[in-house]
Amino acid sequence: MDTLTYNQSEIRFGNLKDSGFNALLSSPRYAQSKKVIITDENVFDLWMEDFITSFEALSEAEIIQLPPGEENKVLDICNHVWSALSEYEIGRNDLIINLGGGVITDMGGFIAATFKRGLSFINIPTTLLSQVDASVGGKTGVDLGPYKNQVGVFADPDYVFIDSRYLATLPNVELDSGFAEMLKHGLIADADYWNALKSVDPKVIPAGLLETIHQSVLIKRKIVTEDHLEQGQRKNLNFGHTIGHALEGFCLSKNKPVPHGFAVAWGMIAESFISREMELIDARLFDDINTTIRSRYTHIDISNSDIDQIKPLLLNDKKNVNGSISFTLLTDIGQAVYNQHVNDELIDAAIRFILNREV
């Protein structure tokens, strides 16, 4: 069982049943705590029986099932959960266990961090996206309409348990979605990792995939440990997300949601295009990024006529300063620079570039 720490969190890699999870729940820290499991309907059907029966300490846990999907990562759902926690008489010494993908770890962490001014919580991510990104780093929150993660707090889980066994039941689209964040980690921080990932197919889950997940978590852990509240270099993790979140939010507003990683993948192409146009990277590097990502991700169902509706979503991005849209851009493979302000014409050109299916 490999273990990492960051801030107040401990990350354990490997089979959950061999992780000491039951002993932890029975330890003095949690033995007297009421346990509440927050999950979604898909994970409940696939994994809950195995989860509950495998750990005696969960025999009396309350289970809260939420509807799946980004469209349900909203305050309305939080209100229902907070009401349920009140009915269960959950107190500040009790424990929330988030079992699910990024929506569950984002929203479950936010629910825990804000109920009675903060409960302890543990994340057990069940998707590739949540294992390499969403469950690690302390960002929690919910969406407001088409605006991603507009309401939230920084709150670290006590523990994160990363078990690649959960990936076996994921549809291929979810594996590809998570892989986009891994590609991002290589692009902003590790050229060797980026090059190694080119030969990895996340839809073929070998035993060694846990090592690759571990590498992504190492990259993110180093960044968030040095800049937990995103005042500096943590902003590099937003590469691909400024335009990516706008694409995702637009599709969500049209009731045709796209996986987060697909939106980020096309956002990375767009923001690499901007990097090239601003002469931060050369054409050779841009072509490498563009070719690699386009070969893996299908186009998002939007058209040139939608651009005028997509661009206003950029103005509500959390990274903006004084109304100026702020980007993280690349200066090389494995190197990024944040707080880059880009003119409107170049943003427009970048979006049009990714909509061009002939490139």
Protein backbone atom coordinates (compact mmCIF):
# COMPACT_ATOMS: atom_id res chain seq x y z
CA MET A 1 0.00 0.00 0.00
CA ASP A 2 1.66 3.18 -1.24
CA THR A 3 0.88 6.38 0.67
CA LEU A 4 1.31 10.10 -0.03
CA THR A 5 0.46 13.10 2.09
CA TYR A 6 -0.40 16.70 1.27
CA ASN A 7 -1.49 19.41 3.68
CA GLN A 8 -3.76 17.58 6.14
CA SER A 9 -4.66 14.74 3.76
CA GLU A 10 -3.31 11.24 3.29
CA ILE A 11 -3.65 9.46 -0.07
CA ARG A 12 -3.52 5.68 -0.15
CA PHE A 13 -3.13 3.70 -3.40
CA GLY A 14 -4.19 0.10 -3.89
CA ASN A 15 -7.02 -2.31 -3.19
CA LEU A 16 -9.33 -0.68 -0.65
CA LYS A 17 -9.79 -3.99 1.15
CA ASP A 18 -6.04 -4.12 1.85
CA SER A 19 -5.75 -0.43 2.77
CA GLY A 20 -6.55 -0.54 6.47
CA PHE A 21 -9.82 1.28 5.75
CA ASN A 22 -11.91 -0.74 8.21
CA ALA A 23 -9.29 -0.39 10.96
CA LEU A 24 -9.20 3.36 10.32
CA LEU A 25 -12.98 3.66 10.68
CA SER A 26 -12.78 1.68 13.92
CA SER A 27 -9.88 3.71 15.29
CA PRO A 28 -10.34 6.24 18.12
CA ARG A 29 -10.52 8.99 15.50
CA TYR A 30 -13.76 7.68 13.96
CA ALA A 31 -15.07 4.86 16.16
CA GLN A 32 -17.74 7.02 17.80
CA SER A 33 -18.60 8.93 14.63
CA LYS A 34 -21.80 8.37 12.74
CA LYS A 35 -20.93 7.51 9.15
CA VAL A 36 -22.79 8.86 6.13
CA ILE A 37 -21.99 7.59 2.63
CA ILE A 38 -22.76 9.98 -0.23
CA THR A 39 -22.87 8.30 -3.62
CA ASP A 40 -24.80 8.40 -6.87
CA GLU A 41 -27.31 5.93 -8.25
CA ASN A 42 -24.85 4.38 -10.73
CA VAL A 43 -22.16 3.68 -8.14
CA PHE A 44 -24.78 2.47 -5.68
CA ASP A 45 -25.99 -0.17 -8.14
CA LEU A 46 -22.49 -1.31 -9.06
CA TRP A 47 -20.54 -1.15 -5.83
CA MET A 48 -22.58 -0.43 -2.71
CA GLU A 49 -23.31 -4.02 -1.70
CA ASP A 50 -19.63 -4.93 -1.99
CA PHE A 51 -18.63 -1.74 -0.16
CA ILE A 52 -20.96 -2.18 2.81
CA THR A 53 -20.41 -5.90 3.26
CA SER A 54 -16.62 -5.57 3.05
CA PHE A 55 -16.25 -3.23 6.02
CA GLU A 56 -17.86 -4.03 9.33
CA ALA A 57 -17.44 -0.44 10.51
CA LEU A 58 -20.02 0.60 7.87
CA SER A 59 -22.75 -1.76 9.06
CA GLU A 60 -24.82 1.11 10.48
CA ALA A 61 -23.85 3.81 7.98
CA GLU A 62 -26.51 5.98 6.43
CA ILE A 63 -26.49 6.03 2.63
CA ILE A 64 -27.52 9.03 0.55
CA GLN A 65 -28.02 8.38 -3.16
CA LEU A 66 -27.87 11.33 -5.53
CA PRO A 67 -28.84 11.51 -9.20
CA PRO A 68 -25.74 11.19 -11.42
CA GLY A 69 -24.37 13.80 -13.79
CA GLU A 70 -22.89 17.30 -13.83
CA GLU A 71 -26.37 18.77 -14.26
CA ASN A 72 -27.11 17.66 -10.68
CA LYS A 73 -24.06 19.34 -9.13
CA VAL A 74 -26.21 22.19 -7.84
CA LEU A 75 -27.25 23.87 -4.60
CA ASP A 76 -30.73 22.34 -4.81
CA ILE A 77 -29.25 18.87 -4.33
CA CYS A 78 -27.02 20.14 -1.52
CA ASN A 79 -30.09 21.48 0.29
CA HIS A 80 -31.70 18.04 0.20
CA VAL A 81 -28.54 16.44 1.61
CA TRP A 82 -28.12 19.06 4.35
CA SER A 83 -31.74 18.43 5.37
CA ALA A 84 -31.08 14.68 5.46
CA LEU A 85 -27.98 15.21 7.61
CA SER A 86 -30.10 17.22 10.03
CA GLU A 87 -32.68 14.43 10.15
CA TYR A 88 -29.90 11.93 10.89
CA GLU A 89 -28.73 14.25 13.70
CA ILE A 90 -25.24 14.42 12.24
CA GLY A 91 -22.84 16.45 14.37
CA ARG A 92 -19.42 17.99 13.93
CA ASN A 93 -17.64 14.84 15.10
CA ASP A 94 -19.29 12.65 12.48
CA LEU A 95 -17.91 11.52 9.13
CA ILE A 96 -18.93 11.87 5.47
CA ILE A 97 -17.62 9.26 3.02
CA ASN A 98 -17.84 10.31 -0.64
CA LEU A 99 -17.94 7.23 -2.89
CA GLY A 100 -18.15 8.23 -6.53
CA GLY A 101 -16.76 10.33 -9.34
CA GLY A 102 -15.84 13.98 -9.54
CA VAL A 103 -19.38 15.26 -9.08
CA ILE A 104 -19.69 13.32 -5.83
CA THR A 105 -16.28 14.27 -4.45
CA ASP A 106 -16.74 17.95 -5.44
CA MET A 107 -20.26 18.22 -4.06
CA GLY A 108 -19.84 15.81 -1.15
CA GLY A 109 -16.74 17.69 0.01
CA PHE A 110 -18.64 20.99 -0.24
CA ILE A 111 -21.58 19.56 1.71
CA ALA A 112 -19.27 18.26 4.43
CA ALA A 113 -17.18 21.44 4.62
CA THR A 114 -20.20 23.71 5.05
CA PHE A 115 -22.55 21.64 7.23
CA LYS A 116 -22.26 22.87 10.82
CA ARG A 117 -19.14 24.74 9.69
CA GLY A 118 -17.29 21.62 8.74
CA LEU A 119 -17.35 17.83 9.06
CA SER A 120 -14.52 15.42 8.40
CA PHE A 121 -14.77 13.63 5.07
CA ILE A 122 -13.05 10.86 3.16
CA ASN A 123 -12.97 10.58 -0.64
CA ILE A 124 -13.08 7.23 -2.41
CA PRO A 125 -13.01 8.22 -6.09
CA THR A 126 -14.45 5.68 -8.52
CA THR A 127 -13.66 7.30 -11.89
CA LEU A 128 -10.33 7.98 -13.55
CA LEU A 129 -11.12 11.71 -13.58
CA SER A 130 -11.76 11.83 -9.85
CA GLN A 131 -8.76 9.63 -9.04
CA VAL A 132 -6.24 11.81 -10.87
CA ASP A 133 -7.85 15.18 -10.30
CA ALA A 134 -11.18 15.95 -8.62
CA SER A 135 -10.71 14.10 -5.33
CA VAL A 136 -7.22 15.47 -4.67
CA GLY A 137 -6.35 19.09 -3.95
CA GLY A 138 -9.08 20.37 -1.67
CA LYS A 139 -11.34 22.11 -4.19
CA THR A 140 -15.02 21.54 -3.51
CA GLY A 141 -18.07 23.19 -4.98
CA VAL A 142 -21.14 23.25 -7.18
CA ASP A 143 -22.23 24.90 -10.42
CA LEU A 144 -24.56 27.87 -10.93
CA GLY A 145 -26.44 27.33 -14.18
CA PRO A 146 -23.84 27.13 -16.98
CA TYR A 147 -21.07 28.50 -14.74
CA LYS A 148 -18.78 25.78 -13.43
CA ASN A 149 -17.83 25.55 -9.74
CA GLN A 150 -19.03 29.06 -8.92
CA VAL A 151 -19.87 28.26 -5.27
CA GLY A 152 -17.35 26.35 -3.21
CA VAL A 153 -14.61 26.27 -0.61
CA PHE A 154 -11.13 24.87 -0.23
CA ALA A 155 -11.45 21.88 2.10
CA ASP A 156 -9.15 18.88 2.28
CA PRO A 157 -10.41 15.35 2.90
CA ASP A 158 -8.86 13.49 5.80
CA TYR A 159 -8.05 10.60 3.45
CA VAL A 160 -8.28 9.71 -0.23
CA PHE A 161 -8.31 6.03 -1.18
CA ILE A 162 -7.42 5.36 -4.83
CA ASP A 163 -8.34 1.84 -5.95
CA SER A 164 -8.04 1.18 -9.70
CA ARG A 165 -10.42 -1.78 -9.29
CA TYR A 166 -13.30 0.69 -9.55
CA LEU A 167 -12.26 1.60 -13.08
CA ALA A 168 -13.24 -1.83 -14.40
CA THR A 169 -16.94 -0.89 -14.52
CA LEU A 170 -16.48 2.49 -16.20
CA PRO A 171 -17.69 3.10 -19.75
CA ASN A 172 -14.94 3.96 -22.21
CA VAL A 173 -16.06 7.58 -22.47
CA GLU A 174 -15.40 8.07 -18.75
CA LEU A 175 -11.92 6.59 -19.02
CA ASP A 176 -11.11 8.91 -21.91
CA SER A 177 -12.51 11.84 -19.93
CA GLY A 178 -10.18 11.21 -17.01
CA PHE A 179 -7.24 10.66 -19.32
CA ALA A 180 -7.51 14.25 -20.55
CA GLU A 181 -6.52 15.51 -17.11
CA MET A 182 -3.52 13.18 -17.16
CA LEU A 183 -2.45 14.61 -20.51
CA LYS A 184 -2.80 18.06 -18.97
CA HIS A 185 -0.47 17.09 -16.12
CA GLY A 186 2.18 16.13 -18.63
CA LEU A 187 1.74 19.29 -20.69
CA ILE A 188 2.10 21.66 -17.73
CA ALA A 189 4.69 19.83 -15.66
CA ASP A 190 6.48 16.82 -17.17
CA ALA A 191 7.45 16.40 -20.83
CA ASP A 192 8.57 12.80 -20.29
CA TYR A 193 5.19 11.96 -18.80
CA TRP A 194 3.40 13.59 -21.75
CA ASN A 195 5.44 11.52 -24.18
CA ALA A 196 4.87 8.32 -22.20
CA LEU A 197 1.11 8.88 -22.15
CA LYS A 198 0.98 8.87 -25.95
CA SER A 199 1.32 5.07 -25.87
CA VAL A 200 -1.23 4.57 -23.06
CA ASP A 201 -4.79 3.54 -23.81
CA PRO A 202 -6.88 4.17 -20.68
CA LYS A 203 -9.57 1.83 -22.00
CA VAL A 204 -7.16 -1.07 -21.57
CA ILE A 205 -6.69 -1.25 -17.82
CA PRO A 206 -3.46 -3.10 -17.01
CA ALA A 207 -2.16 -3.50 -13.49
CA GLY A 208 0.37 -0.79 -14.30
CA LEU A 209 -2.31 1.88 -14.77
CA LEU A 210 -2.22 2.52 -11.01
CA GLU A 211 1.42 3.61 -11.45
CA THR A 212 0.36 6.11 -14.11
CA ILE A 213 -2.42 7.41 -11.86
CA HIS A 214 0.16 7.71 -9.10
CA GLN A 215 2.35 9.87 -11.37
CA SER A 216 -0.52 12.25 -12.09
CA VAL A 217 -1.35 12.52 -8.41
CA LEU A 218 2.32 13.22 -7.64
CA ILE A 219 2.30 16.12 -10.10
CA LYS A 220 -0.90 17.59 -8.70
CA ARG A 221 0.13 16.99 -5.09
CA LYS A 222 3.41 18.89 -5.55
CA ILE A 223 1.59 21.87 -7.02
CA VAL A 224 -1.24 22.05 -4.48
CA THR A 225 1.12 21.54 -1.55
CA GLU A 226 3.13 24.59 -2.58
CA ASP A 227 0.09 26.74 -3.45
CA HIS A 228 -3.00 25.38 -1.75
CA LEU A 229 -5.24 28.45 -2.21
CA GLU A 230 -4.36 29.04 -5.87
CA GLN A 231 -2.51 32.32 -5.50
CA GLY A 232 0.28 31.35 -7.88
CA GLN A 233 1.49 28.22 -9.63
CA ARG A 234 -1.62 26.18 -8.82
CA LYS A 235 -3.26 28.23 -11.56
CA ASN A 236 -1.18 26.15 -14.00
CA LEU A 237 -3.61 23.29 -13.31
CA ASN A 238 -6.26 25.39 -15.05
CA PHE A 239 -4.65 24.90 -18.44
CA GLY A 240 -7.40 23.97 -20.90
CA HIS A 241 -10.10 24.85 -18.39
CA THR A 242 -10.82 28.49 -19.25
CA ILE A 243 -12.19 27.65 -22.69
CA GLY A 244 -12.97 24.07 -21.64
CA HIS A 245 -15.32 25.17 -18.85
CA ALA A 246 -17.06 27.57 -21.24
CA LEU A 247 -17.62 24.75 -23.72
CA GLU A 248 -18.85 22.46 -20.97
CA GLY A 249 -21.15 25.10 -19.51
CA PHE A 250 -22.62 25.96 -22.91
CA CYS A 251 -23.40 22.32 -23.65
CA LEU A 252 -24.92 21.90 -20.19
CA SER A 253 -27.17 24.93 -20.77
CA LYS A 254 -28.40 23.31 -24.00
CA ASN A 255 -29.20 20.02 -22.23
CA LYS A 256 -26.53 18.17 -24.19
CA PRO A 257 -23.82 17.72 -21.53
CA VAL A 258 -20.34 16.57 -22.55
CA PRO A 259 -17.85 14.78 -20.31
CA HIS A 260 -15.62 17.21 -18.45
CA GLY A 261 -12.43 15.73 -19.89
CA PHE A 262 -13.63 16.08 -23.48
CA ALA A 263 -14.31 19.78 -22.94
CA VAL A 264 -10.89 20.18 -21.30
CA ALA A 265 -9.22 18.30 -24.17
CA TRP A 266 -10.60 20.75 -26.72
CA GLY A 267 -9.85 23.60 -24.34
CA MET A 268 -6.22 22.47 -24.29
CA ILE A 269 -6.06 22.58 -28.07
CA ALA A 270 -7.58 26.08 -28.08
CA GLU A 271 -5.23 27.36 -25.39
CA SER A 272 -2.24 25.74 -27.10
CA PHE A 273 -3.34 27.56 -30.27
CA ILE A 274 -3.27 30.82 -28.29
CA SER A 275 0.17 29.89 -26.93
CA ARG A 276 1.43 29.43 -30.48
CA GLU A 277 -0.13 32.64 -31.75
CA MET A 278 1.48 34.56 -28.87
CA GLU A 279 4.82 32.91 -29.79
CA LEU A 280 5.14 31.16 -26.44
CA ILE A 281 5.51 27.79 -28.19
CA ASP A 282 6.56 27.00 -31.72
CA ALA A 283 4.54 25.35 -34.48
CA ARG A 284 6.21 21.97 -33.97
CA LEU A 285 5.12 21.73 -30.35
CA PHE A 286 1.64 22.94 -31.17
CA ASP A 287 1.27 20.36 -33.94
CA ASP A 288 2.29 17.62 -31.49
CA ILE A 289 -0.39 18.70 -29.00
CA ASN A 290 -3.08 19.26 -31.63
CA THR A 291 -2.48 15.94 -33.38
CA THR A 292 -2.27 13.91 -30.18
CA ILE A 293 -5.46 15.28 -28.65
CA ARG A 294 -7.54 15.34 -31.84
CA SER A 295 -6.70 11.66 -32.43
CA ARG A 296 -8.29 10.74 -29.10
CA TYR A 297 -11.30 13.03 -28.65
CA THR A 298 -14.40 13.36 -30.80
CA HIS A 299 -15.64 16.83 -31.62
CA ILE A 300 -18.14 18.53 -29.33
CA ASP A 301 -21.50 19.22 -30.94
CA ILE A 302 -21.26 22.99 -31.28
CA SER A 303 -20.97 25.24 -34.31
CA ASN A 304 -19.59 28.63 -35.30
CA SER A 305 -23.00 30.17 -34.71
CA ASP A 306 -22.71 29.23 -31.02
CA ILE A 307 -19.53 31.25 -30.40
CA ASP A 308 -21.38 34.39 -29.34
CA GLN A 309 -23.08 32.36 -26.60
CA ILE A 310 -19.89 30.61 -25.50
CA LYS A 311 -17.69 33.68 -25.12
CA PRO A 312 -19.77 35.38 -22.37
CA LEU A 313 -19.23 32.29 -20.21
CA LEU A 314 -15.51 33.11 -20.20
CA LEU A 315 -16.23 36.37 -18.40
CA ASN A 316 -17.48 34.50 -15.33
CA ASP A 317 -14.40 32.31 -15.04
CA LYS A 318 -13.05 32.29 -11.47
CA LYS A 319 -9.51 33.10 -12.63
CA ASN A 320 -10.41 36.45 -14.15
CA VAL A 321 -8.98 39.66 -12.68
CA ASN A 322 -10.69 43.05 -13.00
CA GLY A 323 -12.89 41.78 -15.79
CA SER A 324 -9.92 40.60 -17.86
CA ILE A 325 -10.01 36.97 -19.03
CA SER A 326 -6.97 35.18 -17.59
CA PHE A 327 -5.40 32.10 -19.16
CA THR A 328 -2.77 29.55 -18.30
CA LEU A 329 -0.66 29.01 -21.43
CA LEU A 330 2.25 26.79 -22.40
CA THR A 331 5.83 27.93 -22.90
CA ASP A 332 7.07 24.40 -23.67
CA ILE A 333 5.93 20.82 -23.21
CA GLY A 334 6.07 20.46 -19.44
CA GLN A 335 6.13 24.20 -18.72
CA ALA A 336 3.28 26.67 -18.25
CA VAL A 337 2.73 30.29 -17.30
CA TYR A 338 -0.39 31.68 -15.61
CA ASN A 339 -2.21 35.04 -15.52
CA GLN A 340 -1.90 35.55 -19.25
CA HIS A 341 -4.36 38.06 -20.67
CA VAL A 342 -5.53 37.40 -24.22
CA ASN A 343 -7.32 39.77 -26.56
CA ASP A 344 -10.84 39.07 -27.74
CA GLU A 345 -9.88 38.49 -31.36
CA LEU A 346 -7.40 35.77 -30.45
CA ILE A 347 -9.91 34.03 -28.18
CA ASP A 348 -12.40 34.09 -31.04
CA ALA A 349 -9.81 32.63 -33.42
CA ALA A 350 -8.94 29.85 -30.97
CA ILE A 351 -12.56 28.79 -30.58
CA ARG A 352 -13.08 28.86 -34.33
CA PHE A 353 -9.95 26.72 -34.74
CA ILE A 354 -11.26 23.91 -32.55
CA LEU A 355 -14.63 23.99 -34.33
CA ASN A 356 -12.93 23.43 -37.68
CA ARG A 357 -13.30 19.71 -38.29
CA GLU A 358 -11.04 19.82 -41.35
CA VAL A 359 -7.86 20.80 -39.49
